[in-house]
Amino acid sequence: MIPVVVPVYDRTHYVTQTLASWRDVRGIGDTPVIHSCEPGQPAMVDLIRQQRPPSPGAVLVNPEQLGNDQNMKAALTAGFATGADFVIAAEDDVIVSTDLLEYMAWARDTYAADKSVLAVTAFRFEEPGPLDAVLRTPWFFGGACWGMWRDRWDEMEPGWPPSWYGYDLYLWTLAKETGRVCIQPAATRCRNIGEHGTNTHGEASGFADVWERQQFVAEVPPQSYREA
């Protein structure tokens, strides 16, 4: 069991698309999916409850406005509170490939004892390589969709940044300072569709060349993953 946590903001036009994407992921029916919502968004809460994947989990509402970084922290805390040793975190404007859970489960088991690995990301900027290939990268810029073990979370949670600092920058700095690597697929398994509001990385923010280069593929058949 690998919980998926999603911090949510008031952008129903993106969340509708990402919910549809997660419903197509293989194995999602047995996966706890936890959405962490900011307060004062009853329409968003209703939307998620109506359209969320048919899986266990919860729709949580923060007692106060937390902002980007602290909402992610709240979501991760809820994920690990399930007793899981590994949690996947995804932004609310990110669509994913159908093999996302299979890729993450393989990486969880393969690198659990390798303390040189800080985290696993589903994101890759570059042109795609083989679908079964997995890479080590000496930096972290995979906040769109990523996974982390409990022991690494216990290490980084005390220094988690305040809201609007940028948790991906924090993780990148931590990886660099401690000489750690992150695991990423040779072909991206996620794409950020956001262009307006929190976590904007779409065409309006100048990332159109990235999405063209990535060549994101939603339908990915089962793979026998290997480190390249």
Foldseek 3Di string as FASTA:
>chain_A
DAEEEEEDEQDVVQLLVQQVLLLLAPPSAAYAYEYEYEPPRVVVLVVCVVRHHNHHYYYHYDPHGAADQVSQVVRVVVRCVVVDFKYKYAYSRKHFANHVVVVQVVCCVVCVPPPLALWEALDDQAAADDQQEKEKAQFFDRRRMIMGGPVSCVVCVVVRDGHPPDRRVVRRVVSNVVVHIHMYHSAHGMDGCACDDPPHQDVNVPNPVSCVRRVHDRYDDDYNHDYD
